[in-house]
């Protein structure tokens, strides 16, 4: 485990599912909130502030976002994606109280 002030990175010798990794992160946390995101995702600068606000106000125990904006590096382009059907949250955007 590697700590950078308030950031912790974990490495495993065996492959684990993303759910197992996220569960371990929640179990090991020492902070008030756990913020998940995927390394290839891009978010605007207020993402954490906006997602933590309902938790601070006591309105939620967990928040998540839907993805609508994607960046394609090879073309230096952003794309807006409209989902069809019952698409739920992107689980790489979970913020929760441990």
C-alpha atoms as a PDB file:
ATOM      1  CA  UNK A   1       0.000   0.000   0.000  1.00  0.00           C
ATOM      2  CA  UNK A   2       1.284   3.456  -0.895  1.00  0.00           C
ATOM      3  CA  UNK A   3       0.039   6.654   0.785  1.00  0.00           C
ATOM      4  CA  UNK A   4       0.373  10.197  -0.578  1.00  0.00           C
ATOM      5  CA  UNK A   5      -0.919  12.500   2.155  1.00  0.00           C
ATOM      6  CA  UNK A   6      -4.600  11.617   1.664  1.00  0.00           C
ATOM      7  CA  UNK A   7      -4.297   9.277  -1.307  1.00  0.00           C
ATOM      8  CA  UNK A   8      -3.753   5.529  -1.009  1.00  0.00           C
ATOM      9  CA  UNK A   9      -2.778   3.166  -3.847  1.00  0.00           C
ATOM     10  CA  UNK A  10      -3.078  -0.639  -3.551  1.00  0.00           C
ATOM     11  CA  UNK A  11      -1.450  -3.342  -5.680  1.00  0.00           C
ATOM     12  CA  UNK A  12      -2.360  -7.044  -5.703  1.00  0.00           C
ATOM     13  CA  UNK A  13      -0.405 -10.039  -6.942  1.00  0.00           C
ATOM     14  CA  UNK A  14      -3.638 -11.734  -8.072  1.00  0.00           C
ATOM     15  CA  UNK A  15      -6.349 -10.336 -10.323  1.00  0.00           C
ATOM     16  CA  UNK A  16      -9.426  -9.082  -8.505  1.00  0.00           C
ATOM     17  CA  UNK A  17     -12.726  -7.856  -9.885  1.00  0.00           C
ATOM     18  CA  UNK A  18     -13.294  -4.103  -9.878  1.00  0.00           C
ATOM     19  CA  UNK A  19     -16.007  -4.648  -7.259  1.00  0.00           C
ATOM     20  CA  UNK A  20     -13.588  -6.500  -4.952  1.00  0.00           C
ATOM     21  CA  UNK A  21     -11.036  -3.712  -5.367  1.00  0.00           C
ATOM     22  CA  UNK A  22     -13.592  -1.031  -4.576  1.00  0.00           C
ATOM     23  CA  UNK A  23     -14.896  -2.945  -1.555  1.00  0.00           C
ATOM     24  CA  UNK A  24     -11.355  -3.217  -0.214  1.00  0.00           C
ATOM     25  CA  UNK A  25     -10.814   0.513  -0.738  1.00  0.00           C
ATOM     26  CA  UNK A  26     -13.937   1.282   1.292  1.00  0.00           C
ATOM     27  CA  UNK A  27     -12.863  -1.113   4.075  1.00  0.00           C
ATOM     28  CA  UNK A  28      -9.374   0.405   4.300  1.00  0.00           C
ATOM     29  CA  UNK A  29     -10.341   4.055   4.197  1.00  0.00           C
ATOM     30  CA  UNK A  30      -9.487   6.417   7.001  1.00  0.00           C
ATOM     31  CA  UNK A  31     -11.336   9.414   5.600  1.00  0.00           C
ATOM     32  CA  UNK A  32     -14.889  10.647   5.760  1.00  0.00           C
ATOM     33  CA  UNK A  33     -15.665   9.951   2.089  1.00  0.00           C
ATOM     34  CA  UNK A  34     -14.546   7.485  -0.558  1.00  0.00           C
ATOM     35  CA  UNK A  35     -14.354   8.730  -4.158  1.00  0.00           C
ATOM     36  CA  UNK A  36     -14.009   6.206  -6.999  1.00  0.00           C
ATOM     37  CA  UNK A  37     -13.176   6.879 -10.612  1.00  0.00           C
ATOM     38  CA  UNK A  38     -11.607   5.073 -13.514  1.00  0.00           C
ATOM     39  CA  UNK A  39      -8.165   6.133 -14.689  1.00  0.00           C
ATOM     40  CA  UNK A  40      -9.409   6.804 -18.217  1.00  0.00           C
ATOM     41  CA  UNK A  41     -12.358   9.005 -17.265  1.00  0.00           C
ATOM     42  CA  UNK A  42     -12.476  12.798 -17.534  1.00  0.00           C
ATOM     43  CA  UNK A  43     -14.603  15.007 -15.282  1.00  0.00           C
ATOM     44  CA  UNK A  44     -15.029  18.715 -14.787  1.00  0.00           C
ATOM     45  CA  UNK A  45     -13.301  20.386 -11.873  1.00  0.00           C
ATOM     46  CA  UNK A  46     -16.357  20.499  -9.559  1.00  0.00           C
ATOM     47  CA  UNK A  47     -17.185  16.795  -9.758  1.00  0.00           C
ATOM     48  CA  UNK A  48     -16.130  15.918  -6.197  1.00  0.00           C
ATOM     49  CA  UNK A  49     -17.661  19.055  -4.663  1.00  0.00           C
ATOM     50  CA  UNK A  50     -20.993  18.385  -6.355  1.00  0.00           C
ATOM     51  CA  UNK A  51     -21.042  14.694  -5.464  1.00  0.00           C
ATOM     52  CA  UNK A  52     -20.044  15.134  -1.815  1.00  0.00           C
ATOM     53  CA  UNK A  53     -22.562  17.941  -1.131  1.00  0.00           C
ATOM     54  CA  UNK A  54     -25.631  15.640  -0.717  1.00  0.00           C
ATOM     55  CA  UNK A  55     -23.606  13.419   1.632  1.00  0.00           C
ATOM     56  CA  UNK A  56     -22.580  16.394   3.778  1.00  0.00           C
ATOM     57  CA  UNK A  57     -26.195  17.589   3.919  1.00  0.00           C
ATOM     58  CA  UNK A  58     -27.332  14.095   5.001  1.00  0.00           C
ATOM     59  CA  UNK A  59     -29.497  13.638   1.884  1.00  0.00           C
ATOM     60  CA  UNK A  60     -27.673  10.533   0.614  1.00  0.00           C
ATOM     61  CA  UNK A  61     -25.202   7.816   1.629  1.00  0.00           C
ATOM     62  CA  UNK A  62     -23.895   7.371  -1.918  1.00  0.00           C
ATOM     63  CA  UNK A  63     -23.859   9.355  -5.171  1.00  0.00           C
ATOM     64  CA  UNK A  64     -23.040   8.397  -8.771  1.00  0.00           C
ATOM     65  CA  UNK A  65     -22.987  10.008 -12.213  1.00  0.00           C
ATOM     66  CA  UNK A  66     -24.001   9.017 -15.704  1.00  0.00           C
ATOM     67  CA  UNK A  67     -21.458   9.430 -18.491  1.00  0.00           C
ATOM     68  CA  UNK A  68     -22.447  11.684 -21.355  1.00  0.00           C
ATOM     69  CA  UNK A  69     -19.156  13.246 -22.434  1.00  0.00           C
ATOM     70  CA  UNK A  70     -16.210  11.253 -23.771  1.00  0.00           C
ATOM     71  CA  UNK A  71     -12.792  12.373 -24.965  1.00  0.00           C
ATOM     72  CA  UNK A  72     -11.025  10.518 -27.787  1.00  0.00           C
ATOM     73  CA  UNK A  73      -7.293  11.247 -27.479  1.00  0.00           C
ATOM     74  CA  UNK A  74      -6.254  10.141 -30.983  1.00  0.00           C
ATOM     75  CA  UNK A  75      -8.592  12.669 -32.587  1.00  0.00           C
ATOM     76  CA  UNK A  76      -8.426  15.291 -29.805  1.00  0.00           C
ATOM     77  CA  UNK A  77     -12.243  15.329 -29.821  1.00  0.00           C
ATOM     78  CA  UNK A  78     -14.997  15.279 -27.219  1.00  0.00           C
ATOM     79  CA  UNK A  79     -18.183  13.365 -28.005  1.00  0.00           C
ATOM     80  CA  UNK A  80     -21.580  13.640 -26.393  1.00  0.00           C
ATOM     81  CA  UNK A  81     -23.190  10.222 -26.010  1.00  0.00           C
ATOM     82  CA  UNK A  82     -26.937   9.879 -25.595  1.00  0.00           C
ATOM     83  CA  UNK A  83     -27.948   6.622 -24.002  1.00  0.00           C
ATOM     84  CA  UNK A  84     -31.032   4.715 -25.079  1.00  0.00           C
ATOM     85  CA  UNK A  85     -32.981   2.664 -22.582  1.00  0.00           C
ATOM     86  CA  UNK A  86     -32.552   2.154 -18.859  1.00  0.00           C
ATOM     87  CA  UNK A  87     -28.848   2.963 -18.481  1.00  0.00           C
ATOM     88  CA  UNK A  88     -27.912   3.469 -14.862  1.00  0.00           C
ATOM     89  CA  UNK A  89     -24.971   5.155 -13.196  1.00  0.00           C
ATOM     90  CA  UNK A  90     -21.356   4.719 -14.158  1.00  0.00           C
ATOM     91  CA  UNK A  91     -19.917   2.842 -11.174  1.00  0.00           C
ATOM     92  CA  UNK A  92     -16.524   4.461 -11.682  1.00  0.00           C
ATOM     93  CA  UNK A  93     -18.134   7.620 -10.290  1.00  0.00           C
ATOM     94  CA  UNK A  94     -19.281   6.383  -6.889  1.00  0.00           C
ATOM     95  CA  UNK A  95     -18.803   8.636  -3.865  1.00  0.00           C
ATOM     96  CA  UNK A  96     -19.852   7.222  -0.502  1.00  0.00           C
ATOM     97  CA  UNK A  97     -19.605   7.397   3.244  1.00  0.00           C
ATOM     98  CA  UNK A  98     -17.555   4.389   4.411  1.00  0.00           C
END
